Amino acid sequence: MNLPLPALFAAPLAFLFAVAVADPDLLQDVCVADLASGIKVNGFTCKSNFSADDFFFNGLAKPGLTNNTQGSRVTAANVQFIPGLNTLGVSLARIDYAPGGLNPPHTHPRATEIVFVIEGQLDVGFITTANVLVSKTIKMGEIFVFPKGLVHFQKNNGKVPAAVIAAFNSQLPGTQSIAATLFAASPPVPDNVLTKAFQIGTKEVKKIKSRLAPK
């Protein structure tokens, strides 16, 4: 049976498209990141020599200090601290919250996040692209998921400290804090962009910028 050209090419094209958009498999056992290399690739180049220490990190064992403006501290365990994570597509973080502490609205452009509460309880939520808030209170032993790229937050409304372990499906998920991204960028976002976007005056914009400026 003779098939028309579109049908004849549909299956091969679908296969090629699937291959093109899939993450590649590893081509070797490990590719420990050479963080000192000046070569820029989508990820890090591989070191020729490595040791067990490249796959080890003890930075999540102790609570992070939360004596800051937000009352929270993120301790990352990504490829920049564990070179052996390079090409493996996973990372962790520990987030500690003082009573009343906030991990402010932010996004991870390269990863979905899942948090596991190890202490206290938190009010958490994310906002869909249709501006729908999905929120819940979670306590010790419970899990919540934040979809990739969506704005989300965690707030400790309790009277005792709280903490979570967060997992990401990226070796370096990236974080964009909404307020800092817009009001503390360098070079700065023009005031007239922010006044129009947030429907506030220039004085308010300058006040927010001064408060979020790097110390």
N, C-alpha and C. Protein backbone atom coordinates (compact mmCIF):
# COMPACT_ATOMS: atom_id res chain seq x y z
N MET A 1 0.85 -1.18 0.00
CA MET A 1 0.00 0.00 0.00
C MET A 1 0.89 1.24 0.00
N ASN A 2 0.58 2.16 -0.91
CA ASN A 2 1.34 3.40 -0.98
C ASN A 2 0.76 4.42 -0.01
N LEU A 3 1.61 4.93 0.87
CA LEU A 3 1.16 5.93 1.84
C LEU A 3 1.49 7.32 1.32
N PRO A 4 0.65 8.31 1.58
CA PRO A 4 0.98 9.68 1.21
C PRO A 4 2.22 10.15 1.95
N LEU A 5 2.95 11.10 1.38
CA LEU A 5 4.20 11.55 1.97
C LEU A 5 4.08 12.00 3.41
N PRO A 6 3.04 12.78 3.80
CA PRO A 6 2.95 13.18 5.22
C PRO A 6 2.89 12.00 6.16
N ALA A 7 2.12 10.97 5.82
CA ALA A 7 2.01 9.80 6.68
C ALA A 7 3.31 9.01 6.70
N LEU A 8 4.00 8.99 5.55
CA LEU A 8 5.24 8.24 5.43
C LEU A 8 6.32 8.80 6.34
N PHE A 9 6.34 10.13 6.47
CA PHE A 9 7.39 10.78 7.26
C PHE A 9 6.97 11.06 8.70
N ALA A 10 5.70 10.85 9.04
CA ALA A 10 5.21 11.22 10.37
C ALA A 10 5.94 10.47 11.47
N ALA A 11 6.05 9.14 11.34
CA ALA A 11 6.68 8.35 12.39
C ALA A 11 8.16 8.67 12.56
N PRO A 12 8.96 8.71 11.45
CA PRO A 12 10.37 9.06 11.63
C PRO A 12 10.57 10.45 12.22
N LEU A 13 9.74 11.42 11.80
CA LEU A 13 9.89 12.77 12.32
C LEU A 13 9.54 12.83 13.80
N ALA A 14 8.49 12.08 14.19
CA ALA A 14 8.12 12.04 15.60
C ALA A 14 9.24 11.45 16.43
N PHE A 15 9.88 10.41 15.91
CA PHE A 15 10.99 9.77 16.62
C PHE A 15 12.16 10.73 16.77
N LEU A 16 12.51 11.42 15.67
CA LEU A 16 13.63 12.34 15.70
C LEU A 16 13.35 13.49 16.65
N PHE A 17 12.10 13.98 16.68
CA PHE A 17 11.75 15.07 17.58
C PHE A 17 11.88 14.62 19.02
N ALA A 18 11.42 13.41 19.32
CA ALA A 18 11.51 12.88 20.68
C ALA A 18 12.96 12.77 21.12
N VAL A 19 13.82 12.31 20.21
CA VAL A 19 15.24 12.19 20.53
C VAL A 19 15.84 13.57 20.76
N ALA A 20 15.43 14.55 19.95
CA ALA A 20 16.03 15.87 20.03
C ALA A 20 15.70 16.58 21.34
N VAL A 21 14.52 16.33 21.90
CA VAL A 21 14.12 17.07 23.09
C VAL A 21 14.40 16.31 24.38
N ALA A 22 14.84 15.06 24.30
CA ALA A 22 15.11 14.28 25.51
C ALA A 22 16.49 14.63 26.06
N ASP A 23 16.65 14.53 27.40
CA ASP A 23 17.97 14.72 27.99
C ASP A 23 18.87 13.56 27.57
N PRO A 24 20.12 13.83 27.23
CA PRO A 24 21.02 12.75 26.83
C PRO A 24 21.42 11.88 28.01
N ASP A 25 21.67 10.62 27.75
CA ASP A 25 22.21 9.74 28.78
C ASP A 25 23.67 10.09 29.04
N LEU A 26 24.15 9.71 30.22
CA LEU A 26 25.56 9.91 30.54
C LEU A 26 26.43 9.11 29.56
N LEU A 27 27.55 9.67 29.18
CA LEU A 27 28.47 9.00 28.28
C LEU A 27 29.65 8.39 29.02
N GLN A 28 29.71 8.57 30.34
CA GLN A 28 30.74 7.96 31.17
C GLN A 28 30.18 7.79 32.58
N ASP A 29 30.89 7.10 33.43
CA ASP A 29 30.39 6.87 34.79
C ASP A 29 30.17 8.17 35.55
N VAL A 30 31.16 9.04 35.52
CA VAL A 30 31.09 10.30 36.24
C VAL A 30 31.68 11.41 35.40
N CYS A 31 31.30 12.63 35.72
CA CYS A 31 31.91 13.82 35.10
C CYS A 31 32.00 14.87 36.20
N VAL A 32 33.00 14.71 37.06
CA VAL A 32 33.15 15.61 38.20
C VAL A 32 33.49 17.00 37.70
N ALA A 33 32.75 18.01 38.16
CA ALA A 33 32.88 19.37 37.64
C ALA A 33 34.24 19.97 37.96
N ASP A 34 34.86 20.53 36.94
CA ASP A 34 36.08 21.32 37.13
C ASP A 34 35.64 22.76 37.31
N LEU A 35 35.41 23.17 38.56
CA LEU A 35 34.87 24.50 38.84
C LEU A 35 35.86 25.61 38.54
N ALA A 36 37.13 25.26 38.37
CA ALA A 36 38.16 26.27 38.09
C ALA A 36 38.36 26.47 36.59
N SER A 37 37.72 25.65 35.78
CA SER A 37 37.93 25.75 34.34
C SER A 37 37.29 27.02 33.77
N GLY A 38 38.00 27.64 32.84
CA GLY A 38 37.46 28.82 32.17
C GLY A 38 36.60 28.49 30.97
N ILE A 39 36.50 27.21 30.63
CA ILE A 39 35.70 26.78 29.49
C ILE A 39 34.23 26.81 29.88
N LYS A 40 33.40 27.46 29.07
CA LYS A 40 31.98 27.58 29.36
C LYS A 40 31.19 26.63 28.46
N VAL A 41 30.46 25.72 29.11
CA VAL A 41 29.59 24.79 28.40
C VAL A 41 28.24 24.79 29.11
N ASN A 42 27.28 24.01 28.63
CA ASN A 42 25.98 23.92 29.29
C ASN A 42 26.12 22.93 30.45
N GLY A 43 26.71 23.41 31.53
CA GLY A 43 27.12 22.56 32.64
C GLY A 43 28.58 22.87 32.92
N PHE A 44 29.34 21.92 33.43
CA PHE A 44 30.75 22.13 33.71
C PHE A 44 31.58 21.08 33.00
N THR A 45 32.82 21.43 32.66
CA THR A 45 33.73 20.45 32.08
C THR A 45 34.14 19.45 33.15
N CYS A 46 34.68 18.31 32.71
CA CYS A 46 35.04 17.23 33.63
C CYS A 46 36.50 17.34 34.08
N LYS A 47 36.74 17.06 35.36
CA LYS A 47 38.11 16.97 35.86
C LYS A 47 38.72 15.64 35.44
N SER A 48 40.01 15.63 35.23
CA SER A 48 40.67 14.37 34.87
C SER A 48 40.88 13.48 36.09
N ASN A 49 41.04 14.09 37.26
CA ASN A 49 41.24 13.32 38.50
C ASN A 49 40.19 13.74 39.53
N PHE A 50 39.68 12.79 40.29
CA PHE A 50 38.68 13.10 41.31
C PHE A 50 38.84 12.15 42.48
N SER A 51 38.17 12.46 43.58
CA SER A 51 38.23 11.64 44.78
C SER A 51 36.85 11.56 45.40
N ALA A 52 36.74 10.79 46.48
CA ALA A 52 35.46 10.65 47.18
C ALA A 52 34.96 11.99 47.70
N ASP A 53 35.88 12.91 48.01
CA ASP A 53 35.47 14.22 48.52
C ASP A 53 34.65 15.01 47.51
N ASP A 54 34.82 14.72 46.23
CA ASP A 54 34.03 15.40 45.20
C ASP A 54 32.57 15.00 45.23
N PHE A 55 32.27 13.92 45.93
CA PHE A 55 30.89 13.43 46.03
C PHE A 55 30.33 13.59 47.44
N PHE A 56 31.03 14.36 48.28
CA PHE A 56 30.69 14.47 49.71
C PHE A 56 30.41 15.92 50.08
N PHE A 57 29.45 16.11 51.02
CA PHE A 57 29.13 17.45 51.53
C PHE A 57 28.44 17.29 52.88
N ASN A 58 28.89 18.02 53.87
CA ASN A 58 28.27 17.93 55.19
C ASN A 58 27.56 19.22 55.59
N GLY A 59 27.31 20.10 54.63
CA GLY A 59 26.78 21.42 54.92
C GLY A 59 25.34 21.48 55.34
N LEU A 60 24.60 20.37 55.19
CA LEU A 60 23.19 20.38 55.59
C LEU A 60 22.98 19.83 57.00
N ALA A 61 24.06 19.46 57.67
CA ALA A 61 23.93 18.81 58.98
C ALA A 61 23.46 19.77 60.06
N LYS A 62 23.82 21.05 59.95
CA LYS A 62 23.49 22.02 61.00
C LYS A 62 22.53 23.08 60.45
N PRO A 63 21.68 23.63 61.32
CA PRO A 63 20.78 24.71 60.88
C PRO A 63 21.55 25.92 60.39
N GLY A 64 21.02 26.58 59.36
CA GLY A 64 21.61 27.82 58.90
C GLY A 64 21.16 28.98 59.77
N LEU A 65 21.96 30.03 59.83
CA LEU A 65 21.63 31.20 60.63
C LEU A 65 20.49 31.97 59.99
N THR A 66 19.50 32.33 60.78
CA THR A 66 18.31 33.00 60.25
C THR A 66 18.18 34.44 60.76
N ASN A 67 19.29 35.00 61.27
CA ASN A 67 19.24 36.36 61.80
C ASN A 67 19.45 37.38 60.68
N ASN A 68 18.50 37.39 59.74
CA ASN A 68 18.55 38.32 58.62
C ASN A 68 17.17 38.93 58.42
N THR A 69 17.04 39.78 57.43
CA THR A 69 15.79 40.51 57.21
C THR A 69 14.61 39.59 56.99
N GLN A 70 14.81 38.50 56.23
CA GLN A 70 13.71 37.59 55.91
C GLN A 70 13.47 36.56 57.00
N GLY A 71 14.44 36.34 57.87
CA GLY A 71 14.27 35.32 58.90
C GLY A 71 14.35 33.92 58.36
N SER A 72 15.12 33.73 57.28
CA SER A 72 15.29 32.39 56.71
C SER A 72 16.68 32.26 56.12
N ARG A 73 17.12 31.02 55.93
CA ARG A 73 18.44 30.78 55.35
C ARG A 73 18.38 29.53 54.47
N VAL A 74 18.81 29.68 53.23
CA VAL A 74 18.91 28.55 52.31
C VAL A 74 20.35 28.09 52.25
N THR A 75 20.60 26.82 52.54
CA THR A 75 21.92 26.23 52.41
C THR A 75 21.88 25.25 51.25
N ALA A 76 22.54 25.61 50.17
CA ALA A 76 22.47 24.81 48.94
C ALA A 76 23.46 23.66 48.97
N ALA A 77 23.05 22.55 48.35
CA ALA A 77 23.94 21.40 48.13
C ALA A 77 23.83 21.05 46.65
N ASN A 78 24.37 21.94 45.81
CA ASN A 78 24.31 21.75 44.37
C ASN A 78 25.70 21.50 43.81
N VAL A 79 25.83 21.53 42.50
CA VAL A 79 27.09 21.19 41.85
C VAL A 79 28.22 22.14 42.24
N GLN A 80 27.88 23.35 42.66
CA GLN A 80 28.92 24.29 43.06
C GLN A 80 29.56 23.91 44.39
N PHE A 81 28.89 23.06 45.16
CA PHE A 81 29.43 22.58 46.43
C PHE A 81 29.78 21.10 46.39
N ILE A 82 29.15 20.37 45.46
CA ILE A 82 29.41 18.93 45.28
C ILE A 82 29.73 18.72 43.80
N PRO A 83 30.99 18.84 43.40
CA PRO A 83 31.34 18.74 41.98
C PRO A 83 30.89 17.44 41.33
N GLY A 84 30.79 16.37 42.14
CA GLY A 84 30.37 15.08 41.59
C GLY A 84 28.94 15.06 41.08
N LEU A 85 28.14 16.08 41.39
CA LEU A 85 26.77 16.15 40.89
C LEU A 85 26.71 16.52 39.41
N ASN A 86 27.81 16.99 38.86
CA ASN A 86 27.81 17.42 37.46
C ASN A 86 27.27 16.33 36.55
N THR A 87 26.29 16.66 35.73
CA THR A 87 25.59 15.80 34.75
C THR A 87 24.59 14.84 35.38
N LEU A 88 24.43 14.84 36.71
CA LEU A 88 23.54 13.87 37.35
C LEU A 88 22.11 14.38 37.51
N GLY A 89 21.89 15.68 37.37
CA GLY A 89 20.53 16.21 37.32
C GLY A 89 19.77 16.22 38.64
N VAL A 90 20.48 16.25 39.78
CA VAL A 90 19.82 16.32 41.08
C VAL A 90 20.62 17.25 42.00
N SER A 91 19.94 17.81 43.00
CA SER A 91 20.60 18.57 44.05
C SER A 91 19.65 18.71 45.22
N LEU A 92 20.18 19.20 46.34
CA LEU A 92 19.39 19.39 47.55
C LEU A 92 19.64 20.78 48.12
N ALA A 93 18.83 21.14 49.10
CA ALA A 93 19.07 22.34 49.90
C ALA A 93 18.42 22.12 51.25
N ARG A 94 18.94 22.80 52.23
CA ARG A 94 18.28 22.87 53.53
C ARG A 94 17.82 24.32 53.72
N ILE A 95 16.57 24.49 54.15
CA ILE A 95 16.04 25.83 54.38
C ILE A 95 15.59 25.91 55.84
N ASP A 96 16.14 26.86 56.57
CA ASP A 96 15.78 27.08 57.97
C ASP A 96 15.00 28.38 58.09
N TYR A 97 14.01 28.39 58.99
CA TYR A 97 13.13 29.53 59.17
C TYR A 97 13.02 29.87 60.66
N ALA A 98 13.28 31.12 61.00
CA ALA A 98 12.98 31.58 62.35
C ALA A 98 11.48 31.70 62.51
N PRO A 99 10.95 31.79 63.73
CA PRO A 99 9.52 32.09 63.89
C PRO A 99 9.16 33.36 63.12
N GLY A 100 8.17 33.28 62.26
CA GLY A 100 7.81 34.40 61.41
C GLY A 100 8.66 34.53 60.16
N GLY A 101 9.62 33.64 59.97
CA GLY A 101 10.54 33.73 58.84
C GLY A 101 9.88 33.41 57.51
N LEU A 102 10.38 34.03 56.45
CA LEU A 102 9.83 33.88 55.10
C LEU A 102 10.92 33.54 54.10
N ASN A 103 10.68 32.53 53.27
CA ASN A 103 11.46 32.33 52.05
C ASN A 103 10.64 33.00 50.96
N PRO A 104 11.03 34.22 50.56
CA PRO A 104 10.13 35.08 49.78
C PRO A 104 9.81 34.51 48.40
N PRO A 105 8.74 35.03 47.77
CA PRO A 105 8.34 34.53 46.45
C PRO A 105 9.51 34.51 45.48
N HIS A 106 9.71 33.34 44.86
CA HIS A 106 10.83 33.14 43.95
C HIS A 106 10.50 32.02 42.97
N THR A 107 11.35 31.82 42.01
CA THR A 107 11.20 30.72 41.06
C THR A 107 12.52 29.99 40.90
N HIS A 108 12.43 28.73 40.44
CA HIS A 108 13.60 27.97 40.01
C HIS A 108 13.41 27.66 38.53
N PRO A 109 14.08 28.38 37.65
CA PRO A 109 13.83 28.24 36.22
C PRO A 109 14.20 26.88 35.64
N ARG A 110 15.04 26.12 36.34
CA ARG A 110 15.52 24.86 35.76
C ARG A 110 15.08 23.62 36.54
N ALA A 111 14.17 23.76 37.50
CA ALA A 111 13.87 22.57 38.31
C ALA A 111 12.51 22.63 38.99
N THR A 112 11.91 21.46 39.15
CA THR A 112 10.82 21.25 40.10
C THR A 112 11.44 21.06 41.48
N GLU A 113 10.73 21.50 42.51
CA GLU A 113 11.23 21.39 43.89
C GLU A 113 10.24 20.59 44.72
N ILE A 114 10.77 19.73 45.58
CA ILE A 114 9.94 18.99 46.54
C ILE A 114 10.57 19.19 47.92
N VAL A 115 9.74 19.61 48.89
CA VAL A 115 10.28 19.87 50.23
C VAL A 115 9.71 18.85 51.22
N PHE A 116 10.56 18.46 52.17
CA PHE A 116 10.22 17.53 53.24
C PHE A 116 10.48 18.24 54.57
N VAL A 117 9.43 18.41 55.37
CA VAL A 117 9.56 19.16 56.62
C VAL A 117 10.24 18.30 57.68
N ILE A 118 11.35 18.82 58.23
CA ILE A 118 12.07 18.08 59.27
C ILE A 118 11.88 18.70 60.65
N GLU A 119 11.29 19.90 60.68
CA GLU A 119 11.06 20.57 61.97
C GLU A 119 10.00 21.65 61.79
N GLY A 120 9.09 21.75 62.76
CA GLY A 120 8.09 22.82 62.75
C GLY A 120 7.01 22.63 61.70
N GLN A 121 6.38 23.72 61.30
CA GLN A 121 5.37 23.69 60.25
C GLN A 121 5.44 24.99 59.45
N LEU A 122 4.95 24.94 58.21
CA LEU A 122 5.06 26.06 57.29
C LEU A 122 3.76 26.24 56.52
N ASP A 123 3.48 27.49 56.17
CA ASP A 123 2.46 27.79 55.17
C ASP A 123 3.18 27.95 53.84
N VAL A 124 2.80 27.13 52.86
CA VAL A 124 3.50 27.12 51.58
C VAL A 124 2.50 27.32 50.45
N GLY A 125 3.01 27.74 49.29
CA GLY A 125 2.11 27.88 48.16
C GLY A 125 2.85 28.22 46.89
N PHE A 126 2.20 27.98 45.75
CA PHE A 126 2.71 28.43 44.46
C PHE A 126 1.56 29.04 43.67
N ILE A 127 1.90 29.84 42.66
CA ILE A 127 0.90 30.53 41.85
C ILE A 127 1.00 30.03 40.42
N THR A 128 -0.11 29.60 39.85
CA THR A 128 -0.11 29.12 38.47
C THR A 128 -0.04 30.30 37.51
N THR A 129 0.15 30.00 36.22
CA THR A 129 0.19 31.05 35.21
C THR A 129 -1.19 31.67 34.98
N ALA A 130 -2.24 31.06 35.55
CA ALA A 130 -3.58 31.65 35.52
C ALA A 130 -3.84 32.46 36.79
N ASN A 131 -2.77 32.72 37.57
CA ASN A 131 -2.85 33.50 38.81
C ASN A 131 -3.72 32.84 39.88
N VAL A 132 -3.69 31.52 39.93
CA VAL A 132 -4.39 30.76 40.96
C VAL A 132 -3.38 30.37 42.04
N LEU A 133 -3.68 30.72 43.29
CA LEU A 133 -2.81 30.35 44.41
C LEU A 133 -3.17 28.94 44.88
N VAL A 134 -2.15 28.07 44.95
CA VAL A 134 -2.31 26.71 45.48
C VAL A 134 -1.50 26.67 46.76
N SER A 135 -2.17 26.58 47.92
CA SER A 135 -1.46 26.72 49.18
C SER A 135 -1.93 25.69 50.21
N LYS A 136 -1.08 25.48 51.22
CA LYS A 136 -1.39 24.48 52.25
C LYS A 136 -0.46 24.71 53.43
N THR A 137 -0.90 24.29 54.62
CA THR A 137 -0.02 24.25 55.79
C THR A 137 0.55 22.85 55.91
N ILE A 138 1.87 22.74 56.01
CA ILE A 138 2.51 21.43 56.11
C ILE A 138 3.33 21.39 57.40
N LYS A 139 3.41 20.18 57.99
CA LYS A 139 4.12 20.03 59.26
C LYS A 139 5.13 18.89 59.15
N MET A 140 5.84 18.65 60.24
CA MET A 140 6.95 17.70 60.26
C MET A 140 6.55 16.35 59.67
N GLY A 141 7.38 15.86 58.76
CA GLY A 141 7.15 14.58 58.12
C GLY A 141 6.33 14.67 56.84
N GLU A 142 5.82 15.87 56.50
CA GLU A 142 4.99 16.03 55.31
C GLU A 142 5.77 16.64 54.16
N ILE A 143 5.22 16.49 52.95
CA ILE A 143 5.90 16.87 51.71
C ILE A 143 5.00 17.80 50.90
N PHE A 144 5.62 18.72 50.18
CA PHE A 144 4.89 19.57 49.24
C PHE A 144 5.77 19.77 48.01
N VAL A 145 5.12 19.90 46.84
CA VAL A 145 5.84 20.02 45.57
C VAL A 145 5.54 21.37 44.93
N PHE A 146 6.60 22.01 44.42
CA PHE A 146 6.48 23.26 43.67
C PHE A 146 6.87 23.00 42.21
N PRO A 147 5.93 23.12 41.27
CA PRO A 147 6.24 22.83 39.87
C PRO A 147 7.32 23.77 39.31
N LYS A 148 8.06 23.24 38.37
CA LYS A 148 9.17 23.95 37.74
C LYS A 148 8.74 25.32 37.20
N GLY A 149 9.51 26.34 37.57
CA GLY A 149 9.32 27.66 37.00
C GLY A 149 8.23 28.51 37.61
N LEU A 150 7.37 27.93 38.46
CA LEU A 150 6.27 28.71 39.02
C LEU A 150 6.71 29.46 40.29
N VAL A 151 6.17 30.66 40.48
CA VAL A 151 6.47 31.45 41.67
C VAL A 151 5.94 30.74 42.90
N HIS A 152 6.76 30.64 43.95
CA HIS A 152 6.33 29.95 45.17
C HIS A 152 7.02 30.57 46.39
N PHE A 153 6.56 30.15 47.58
CA PHE A 153 7.07 30.73 48.83
C PHE A 153 6.85 29.74 49.95
N GLN A 154 7.53 30.00 51.09
CA GLN A 154 7.28 29.28 52.34
C GLN A 154 7.34 30.30 53.48
N LYS A 155 6.42 30.18 54.44
CA LYS A 155 6.35 31.12 55.56
C LYS A 155 6.13 30.35 56.85
N ASN A 156 6.97 30.64 57.85
CA ASN A 156 6.81 30.03 59.16
C ASN A 156 5.96 30.94 60.02
N ASN A 157 4.68 30.62 60.15
CA ASN A 157 3.78 31.41 60.98
C ASN A 157 3.70 30.89 62.41
N GLY A 158 4.56 29.92 62.73
CA GLY A 158 4.57 29.37 64.07
C GLY A 158 5.46 30.15 65.03
N LYS A 159 5.51 29.69 66.27
CA LYS A 159 6.29 30.36 67.31
C LYS A 159 7.62 29.67 67.58
N VAL A 160 7.90 28.59 66.81
CA VAL A 160 9.17 27.86 66.96
C VAL A 160 9.84 27.77 65.59
N PRO A 161 11.15 27.52 65.56
CA PRO A 161 11.85 27.40 64.26
C PRO A 161 11.28 26.25 63.43
N ALA A 162 11.49 26.35 62.12
CA ALA A 162 11.08 25.30 61.19
C ALA A 162 12.22 25.05 60.21
N ALA A 163 12.20 23.88 59.57
CA ALA A 163 13.25 23.55 58.60
C ALA A 163 12.73 22.50 57.62
N VAL A 164 13.23 22.57 56.39
CA VAL A 164 12.90 21.56 55.38
C VAL A 164 14.18 21.13 54.68
N ILE A 165 14.12 19.94 54.09
CA ILE A 165 15.10 19.52 53.09
C ILE A 165 14.40 19.60 51.74
N ALA A 166 14.98 20.33 50.81
CA ALA A 166 14.41 20.51 49.48
C ALA A 166 15.23 19.74 48.46
N ALA A 167 14.54 19.04 47.54
CA ALA A 167 15.20 18.30 46.48
C ALA A 167 14.80 18.90 45.13
N PHE A 168 15.75 18.90 44.19
CA PHE A 168 15.54 19.47 42.86
C PHE A 168 15.99 18.49 41.78
N ASN A 169 15.31 18.50 40.64
CA ASN A 169 15.74 17.65 39.53
C ASN A 169 16.65 18.43 38.59
N SER A 170 17.63 19.10 39.18
CA SER A 170 18.66 19.82 38.43
C SER A 170 19.89 19.91 39.31
N GLN A 171 21.07 19.82 38.70
CA GLN A 171 22.29 19.98 39.47
C GLN A 171 22.50 21.43 39.92
N LEU A 172 21.83 22.38 39.25
CA LEU A 172 21.94 23.79 39.57
C LEU A 172 20.62 24.47 39.18
N PRO A 173 19.60 24.38 40.06
CA PRO A 173 18.25 24.82 39.67
C PRO A 173 18.12 26.31 39.41
N GLY A 174 18.99 27.12 40.00
CA GLY A 174 18.86 28.57 39.85
C GLY A 174 17.71 29.10 40.69
N THR A 175 17.85 30.31 41.19
CA THR A 175 16.80 30.94 41.99
C THR A 175 16.66 32.40 41.58
N GLN A 176 15.44 32.80 41.29
CA GLN A 176 15.15 34.21 41.03
C GLN A 176 14.13 34.69 42.05
N SER A 177 14.61 35.46 43.03
CA SER A 177 13.72 36.07 44.02
C SER A 177 13.02 37.24 43.34
N ILE A 178 11.69 37.23 43.34
CA ILE A 178 10.95 38.20 42.54
C ILE A 178 11.30 39.64 42.92
N ALA A 179 11.27 39.96 44.20
CA ALA A 179 11.54 41.33 44.63
C ALA A 179 12.97 41.75 44.29
N ALA A 180 13.95 40.91 44.62
CA ALA A 180 15.34 41.25 44.37
C ALA A 180 15.64 41.32 42.87
N THR A 181 15.02 40.41 42.10
CA THR A 181 15.25 40.42 40.66
C THR A 181 14.81 41.74 40.03
N LEU A 182 13.68 42.26 40.48
CA LEU A 182 13.13 43.47 39.87
C LEU A 182 13.68 44.76 40.48
N PHE A 183 13.94 44.76 41.79
CA PHE A 183 14.32 46.01 42.45
C PHE A 183 15.80 46.09 42.81
N ALA A 184 16.56 45.04 42.60
CA ALA A 184 17.99 45.08 42.93
C ALA A 184 18.85 44.59 41.78
N ALA A 185 18.32 44.63 40.56
CA ALA A 185 19.09 44.19 39.39
C ALA A 185 20.22 45.17 39.11
N SER A 186 21.26 44.69 38.43
CA SER A 186 22.38 45.54 38.05
C SER A 186 22.75 45.28 36.58
N PRO A 187 22.63 46.28 35.70
CA PRO A 187 22.11 47.63 35.93
C PRO A 187 20.65 47.58 36.37
N PRO A 188 20.17 48.65 37.00
CA PRO A 188 18.82 48.64 37.56
C PRO A 188 17.73 48.65 36.50
N VAL A 189 16.60 48.02 36.82
CA VAL A 189 15.41 48.13 35.99
C VAL A 189 14.94 49.58 36.08
N PRO A 190 14.63 50.23 34.95
CA PRO A 190 14.21 51.64 35.00
C PRO A 190 13.03 51.86 35.93
N ASP A 191 13.06 52.97 36.67
CA ASP A 191 11.98 53.30 37.60
C ASP A 191 10.63 53.36 36.90
N ASN A 192 10.61 53.91 35.66
CA ASN A 192 9.31 54.06 34.98
C ASN A 192 8.70 52.72 34.59
N VAL A 193 9.54 51.69 34.46
CA VAL A 193 9.01 50.34 34.21
C VAL A 193 8.34 49.82 35.48
N LEU A 194 9.00 50.00 36.62
CA LEU A 194 8.48 49.48 37.88
C LEU A 194 7.26 50.27 38.36
N THR A 195 7.26 51.59 38.16
CA THR A 195 6.10 52.37 38.59
C THR A 195 4.85 51.97 37.81
N LYS A 196 5.02 51.71 36.52
CA LYS A 196 3.87 51.33 35.70
C LYS A 196 3.44 49.89 36.01
N ALA A 197 4.42 48.99 36.19
CA ALA A 197 4.09 47.58 36.44
C ALA A 197 3.38 47.40 37.77
N PHE A 198 3.83 48.11 38.80
CA PHE A 198 3.28 47.91 40.14
C PHE A 198 2.28 48.99 40.54
N GLN A 199 2.08 49.96 39.64
CA GLN A 199 1.11 51.03 39.90
C GLN A 199 1.43 51.75 41.21
N ILE A 200 2.71 52.11 41.36
CA ILE A 200 3.17 52.85 42.52
C ILE A 200 4.00 54.04 42.04
N GLY A 201 4.32 54.97 42.96
CA GLY A 201 5.06 56.16 42.60
C GLY A 201 6.56 55.93 42.61
N THR A 202 7.28 56.90 42.04
CA THR A 202 8.74 56.82 41.97
C THR A 202 9.37 56.78 43.36
N LYS A 203 8.78 57.50 44.33
CA LYS A 203 9.33 57.49 45.69
C LYS A 203 9.27 56.09 46.28
N GLU A 204 8.16 55.39 46.06
CA GLU A 204 8.03 54.02 46.58
C GLU A 204 9.05 53.09 45.92
N VAL A 205 9.26 53.25 44.61
CA VAL A 205 10.24 52.43 43.90
C VAL A 205 11.64 52.65 44.48
N LYS A 206 12.01 53.91 44.66
CA LYS A 206 13.35 54.20 45.19
C LYS A 206 13.51 53.68 46.61
N LYS A 207 12.44 53.74 47.41
CA LYS A 207 12.50 53.24 48.79
C LYS A 207 12.73 51.73 48.80
N ILE A 208 11.99 51.02 47.93
CA ILE A 208 12.16 49.56 47.86
C ILE A 208 13.56 49.22 47.36
N LYS A 209 14.03 49.93 46.34
CA LYS A 209 15.38 49.67 45.81
C LYS A 209 16.44 49.87 46.88
N SER A 210 16.28 50.90 47.70
CA SER A 210 17.28 51.17 48.75
C SER A 210 17.29 50.07 49.80
N ARG A 211 16.11 49.51 50.08
CA ARG A 211 16.03 48.46 51.09
C ARG A 211 16.57 47.13 50.59
N LEU A 212 16.48 46.89 49.28
CA LEU A 212 16.93 45.62 48.71
C LEU A 212 18.33 45.70 48.12
N ALA A 213 18.94 46.89 48.14
CA ALA A 213 20.28 47.03 47.58
C ALA A 213 21.26 46.13 48.32
N PRO A 214 22.22 45.51 47.59
CA PRO A 214 23.21 44.65 48.25
C PRO A 214 23.97 45.41 49.33
N LYS A 215 24.13 44.77 50.47
CA LYS A 215 24.83 45.41 51.59
C LYS A 215 26.33 45.30 51.41
